[in-house]
Amino acid sequence: MLWLVLFLGVAVAVNARQASAVQLAEQVGKLREQRTALEAEQAALEREIRLATSRKVLGQRAESELGLHQPANGELQVLPLGPGAR
């Protein structure tokens, strides 16, 4: 009789352990899906940042919002460095 109780106790423990392993496996699957979705969102945001900070977009915004323009050759001046600049 004692062997039967011991066997049932071990069987219940093994069953509980397997059930918790199945739940953990489901959680891991859900977390992997979330990670994939977040990585895709991160890639999209990085692409959006690269586009927003591109020279073309920033130049257009500087022209429209600040009234700036690309300098012509005659508008450029090279200033010499002073003696203590280096």
N, C-alpha and C. Protein backbone atom coordinates (compact mmCIF):
# COMPACT_ATOMS: atom_id res chain seq x y z
N MET A 1 0.82 -1.19 0.00
CA MET A 1 0.00 0.00 0.00
C MET A 1 0.87 1.26 0.00
N LEU A 2 1.95 1.24 0.78
CA LEU A 2 2.85 2.38 0.84
C LEU A 2 3.48 2.65 -0.53
N TRP A 3 3.81 1.58 -1.25
CA TRP A 3 4.40 1.73 -2.58
C TRP A 3 3.42 2.41 -3.54
N LEU A 4 2.17 2.09 -3.40
CA LEU A 4 1.15 2.69 -4.27
C LEU A 4 1.03 4.19 -4.00
N VAL A 5 1.02 4.58 -2.75
CA VAL A 5 0.95 6.00 -2.40
C VAL A 5 2.20 6.73 -2.88
N LEU A 6 3.35 6.12 -2.68
CA LEU A 6 4.59 6.71 -3.15
C LEU A 6 4.60 6.87 -4.67
N PHE A 7 4.14 5.83 -5.38
CA PHE A 7 4.08 5.88 -6.84
C PHE A 7 3.13 6.98 -7.31
N LEU A 8 1.96 7.10 -6.68
CA LEU A 8 1.00 8.14 -7.05
C LEU A 8 1.56 9.53 -6.77
N GLY A 9 2.27 9.68 -5.68
CA GLY A 9 2.89 10.97 -5.36
C GLY A 9 3.92 11.38 -6.40
N VAL A 10 4.77 10.42 -6.80
CA VAL A 10 5.76 10.70 -7.83
C VAL A 10 5.08 11.00 -9.16
N ALA A 11 4.03 10.27 -9.50
CA ALA A 11 3.31 10.49 -10.76
C ALA A 11 2.68 11.88 -10.79
N VAL A 12 2.10 12.30 -9.67
CA VAL A 12 1.50 13.64 -9.60
C VAL A 12 2.59 14.71 -9.74
N ALA A 13 3.73 14.50 -9.11
CA ALA A 13 4.82 15.48 -9.22
C ALA A 13 5.34 15.58 -10.65
N VAL A 14 5.49 14.46 -11.32
CA VAL A 14 5.96 14.46 -12.70
C VAL A 14 4.94 15.15 -13.60
N ASN A 15 3.66 14.86 -13.38
CA ASN A 15 2.60 15.47 -14.19
C ASN A 15 2.58 16.99 -13.98
N ALA A 16 2.73 17.45 -12.75
CA ALA A 16 2.74 18.89 -12.46
C ALA A 16 3.94 19.55 -13.11
N ARG A 17 5.07 18.89 -13.05
CA ARG A 17 6.28 19.44 -13.66
C ARG A 17 6.12 19.55 -15.17
N GLN A 18 5.55 18.55 -15.81
CA GLN A 18 5.34 18.60 -17.26
C GLN A 18 4.34 19.69 -17.64
N ALA A 19 3.31 19.85 -16.83
CA ALA A 19 2.31 20.90 -17.10
C ALA A 19 2.95 22.28 -17.02
N SER A 20 3.80 22.48 -16.03
CA SER A 20 4.47 23.78 -15.92
C SER A 20 5.45 24.00 -17.07
N ALA A 21 6.08 22.92 -17.54
CA ALA A 21 6.98 23.04 -18.69
C ALA A 21 6.22 23.43 -19.94
N VAL A 22 5.02 22.89 -20.11
CA VAL A 22 4.21 23.26 -21.27
C VAL A 22 3.82 24.73 -21.20
N GLN A 23 3.45 25.21 -20.02
CA GLN A 23 3.10 26.62 -19.86
C GLN A 23 4.30 27.52 -20.16
N LEU A 24 5.46 27.12 -19.68
CA LEU A 24 6.67 27.91 -19.95
C LEU A 24 7.00 27.92 -21.43
N ALA A 25 6.80 26.81 -22.10
CA ALA A 25 7.06 26.75 -23.54
C ALA A 25 6.11 27.69 -24.29
N GLU A 26 4.87 27.77 -23.86
CA GLU A 26 3.92 28.69 -24.49
C GLU A 26 4.34 30.13 -24.26
N GLN A 27 4.78 30.44 -23.04
CA GLN A 27 5.25 31.79 -22.75
C GLN A 27 6.48 32.14 -23.59
N VAL A 28 7.38 31.21 -23.74
CA VAL A 28 8.58 31.45 -24.56
C VAL A 28 8.18 31.73 -26.00
N GLY A 29 7.21 30.97 -26.52
CA GLY A 29 6.74 31.20 -27.89
C GLY A 29 6.14 32.59 -28.05
N LYS A 30 5.33 33.01 -27.08
CA LYS A 30 4.73 34.33 -27.15
C LYS A 30 5.79 35.43 -27.06
N LEU A 31 6.78 35.23 -26.19
CA LEU A 31 7.85 36.22 -26.07
C LEU A 31 8.69 36.31 -27.34
N ARG A 32 8.90 35.19 -28.00
CA ARG A 32 9.65 35.22 -29.26
C ARG A 32 8.88 35.98 -30.32
N GLU A 33 7.54 35.79 -30.36
CA GLU A 33 6.72 36.53 -31.32
C GLU A 33 6.78 38.03 -31.03
N GLN A 34 6.70 38.39 -29.74
CA GLN A 34 6.79 39.80 -29.37
C GLN A 34 8.14 40.37 -29.75
N ARG A 35 9.20 39.60 -29.54
CA ARG A 35 10.54 40.07 -29.89
C ARG A 35 10.66 40.31 -31.39
N THR A 36 10.12 39.39 -32.19
CA THR A 36 10.16 39.56 -33.63
C THR A 36 9.41 40.82 -34.06
N ALA A 37 8.23 41.03 -33.45
CA ALA A 37 7.44 42.22 -33.78
C ALA A 37 8.19 43.50 -33.38
N LEU A 38 8.81 43.47 -32.21
CA LEU A 38 9.55 44.65 -31.76
C LEU A 38 10.78 44.92 -32.61
N GLU A 39 11.46 43.87 -33.05
CA GLU A 39 12.62 44.05 -33.93
C GLU A 39 12.19 44.64 -35.26
N ALA A 40 11.04 44.20 -35.77
CA ALA A 40 10.53 44.77 -37.02
C ALA A 40 10.17 46.24 -36.84
N GLU A 41 9.56 46.56 -35.70
CA GLU A 41 9.21 47.95 -35.42
C GLU A 41 10.47 48.80 -35.27
N GLN A 42 11.49 48.25 -34.63
CA GLN A 42 12.75 48.97 -34.47
C GLN A 42 13.39 49.25 -35.82
N ALA A 43 13.38 48.26 -36.71
CA ALA A 43 13.95 48.45 -38.04
C ALA A 43 13.19 49.53 -38.80
N ALA A 44 11.86 49.53 -38.67
CA ALA A 44 11.05 50.55 -39.35
C ALA A 44 11.36 51.94 -38.79
N LEU A 45 11.50 52.04 -37.47
CA LEU A 45 11.82 53.34 -36.87
C LEU A 45 13.22 53.82 -37.24
N GLU A 46 14.18 52.91 -37.30
CA GLU A 46 15.52 53.30 -37.72
C GLU A 46 15.53 53.78 -39.16
N ARG A 47 14.76 53.11 -40.01
CA ARG A 47 14.65 53.53 -41.41
C ARG A 47 14.01 54.92 -41.48
N GLU A 48 13.00 55.15 -40.66
CA GLU A 48 12.33 56.45 -40.64
C GLU A 48 13.29 57.55 -40.15
N ILE A 49 14.10 57.23 -39.16
CA ILE A 49 15.08 58.20 -38.66
C ILE A 49 16.12 58.52 -39.73
N ARG A 50 16.60 57.47 -40.43
CA ARG A 50 17.58 57.71 -41.50
C ARG A 50 17.00 58.61 -42.58
N LEU A 51 15.74 58.37 -42.94
CA LEU A 51 15.12 59.22 -43.96
C LEU A 51 14.93 60.65 -43.47
N ALA A 52 14.50 60.80 -42.21
CA ALA A 52 14.23 62.13 -41.68
C ALA A 52 15.51 62.93 -41.49
N THR A 53 16.63 62.26 -41.28
CA THR A 53 17.89 62.98 -41.07
C THR A 53 18.76 63.01 -42.31
N SER A 54 18.21 62.62 -43.43
CA SER A 54 19.00 62.64 -44.65
C SER A 54 19.26 64.09 -45.08
N ARG A 55 20.31 64.27 -45.82
CA ARG A 55 20.70 65.61 -46.26
C ARG A 55 19.60 66.26 -47.10
N LYS A 56 18.94 65.47 -47.92
CA LYS A 56 17.90 66.00 -48.79
C LYS A 56 16.72 66.54 -47.97
N VAL A 57 16.24 65.75 -47.02
CA VAL A 57 15.09 66.16 -46.21
C VAL A 57 15.45 67.34 -45.32
N LEU A 58 16.63 67.29 -44.68
CA LEU A 58 17.03 68.40 -43.83
C LEU A 58 17.24 69.68 -44.63
N GLY A 59 17.77 69.54 -45.84
CA GLY A 59 17.95 70.72 -46.70
C GLY A 59 16.62 71.34 -47.08
N GLN A 60 15.65 70.51 -47.41
CA GLN A 60 14.33 71.02 -47.76
C GLN A 60 13.66 71.69 -46.57
N ARG A 61 13.81 71.11 -45.39
CA ARG A 61 13.22 71.71 -44.20
C ARG A 61 13.92 73.03 -43.86
N ALA A 62 15.24 73.09 -44.03
CA ALA A 62 15.96 74.33 -43.75
C ALA A 62 15.52 75.43 -44.70
N GLU A 63 15.27 75.07 -45.96
CA GLU A 63 14.82 76.06 -46.93
C GLU A 63 13.40 76.53 -46.61
N SER A 64 12.51 75.59 -46.33
CA SER A 64 11.11 75.97 -46.15
C SER A 64 10.85 76.60 -44.78
N GLU A 65 11.43 76.08 -43.72
CA GLU A 65 11.11 76.56 -42.38
C GLU A 65 12.02 77.71 -41.93
N LEU A 66 13.27 77.69 -42.35
CA LEU A 66 14.22 78.70 -41.88
C LEU A 66 14.63 79.70 -42.94
N GLY A 67 14.24 79.46 -44.18
CA GLY A 67 14.60 80.38 -45.25
C GLY A 67 16.05 80.29 -45.65
N LEU A 68 16.72 79.18 -45.35
CA LEU A 68 18.12 79.01 -45.72
C LEU A 68 18.22 78.44 -47.13
N HIS A 69 19.41 78.52 -47.72
CA HIS A 69 19.62 77.96 -49.05
C HIS A 69 21.05 77.41 -49.14
N GLN A 70 21.29 76.61 -50.17
CA GLN A 70 22.63 76.10 -50.42
C GLN A 70 23.47 77.26 -50.95
N PRO A 71 24.66 77.48 -50.42
CA PRO A 71 25.47 78.61 -50.87
C PRO A 71 26.03 78.37 -52.27
N ALA A 72 26.09 79.44 -53.02
CA ALA A 72 26.73 79.39 -54.34
C ALA A 72 28.24 79.51 -54.12
N ASN A 73 29.04 79.28 -55.15
CA ASN A 73 30.49 79.33 -55.02
C ASN A 73 30.98 80.70 -54.55
N GLY A 74 30.32 81.74 -54.98
CA GLY A 74 30.74 83.09 -54.60
C GLY A 74 30.40 83.41 -53.15
N GLU A 75 29.54 82.64 -52.54
CA GLU A 75 29.14 82.93 -51.16
C GLU A 75 30.01 82.22 -50.12
N LEU A 76 30.89 81.37 -50.55
CA LEU A 76 31.74 80.65 -49.62
C LEU A 76 32.99 81.43 -49.30
N GLN A 77 33.37 81.44 -48.03
CA GLN A 77 34.61 82.07 -47.62
C GLN A 77 35.32 81.10 -46.68
N VAL A 78 36.61 80.88 -46.97
CA VAL A 78 37.41 80.04 -46.10
C VAL A 78 38.12 80.93 -45.13
N LEU A 79 37.90 80.72 -43.86
CA LEU A 79 38.50 81.56 -42.83
C LEU A 79 39.75 80.86 -42.31
N PRO A 80 40.87 81.59 -42.21
CA PRO A 80 42.09 80.97 -41.69
C PRO A 80 41.97 80.76 -40.18
N LEU A 81 42.63 79.72 -39.73
CA LEU A 81 42.67 79.44 -38.29
C LEU A 81 43.65 80.38 -37.62
N GLY A 82 43.34 80.78 -36.41
CA GLY A 82 44.24 81.64 -35.66
C GLY A 82 45.44 80.86 -35.15
N PRO A 83 46.42 81.52 -34.58
CA PRO A 83 47.65 80.83 -34.13
C PRO A 83 47.40 79.82 -33.02
N GLY A 84 46.43 80.03 -32.15
CA GLY A 84 46.19 79.10 -31.05
C GLY A 84 45.07 78.12 -31.33
N ALA A 85 44.65 77.99 -32.59
CA ALA A 85 43.52 77.13 -32.92
C ALA A 85 43.85 75.65 -32.88
N ARG A 86 45.10 75.29 -33.08
CA ARG A 86 45.47 73.88 -33.08
C ARG A 86 46.09 73.54 -31.83
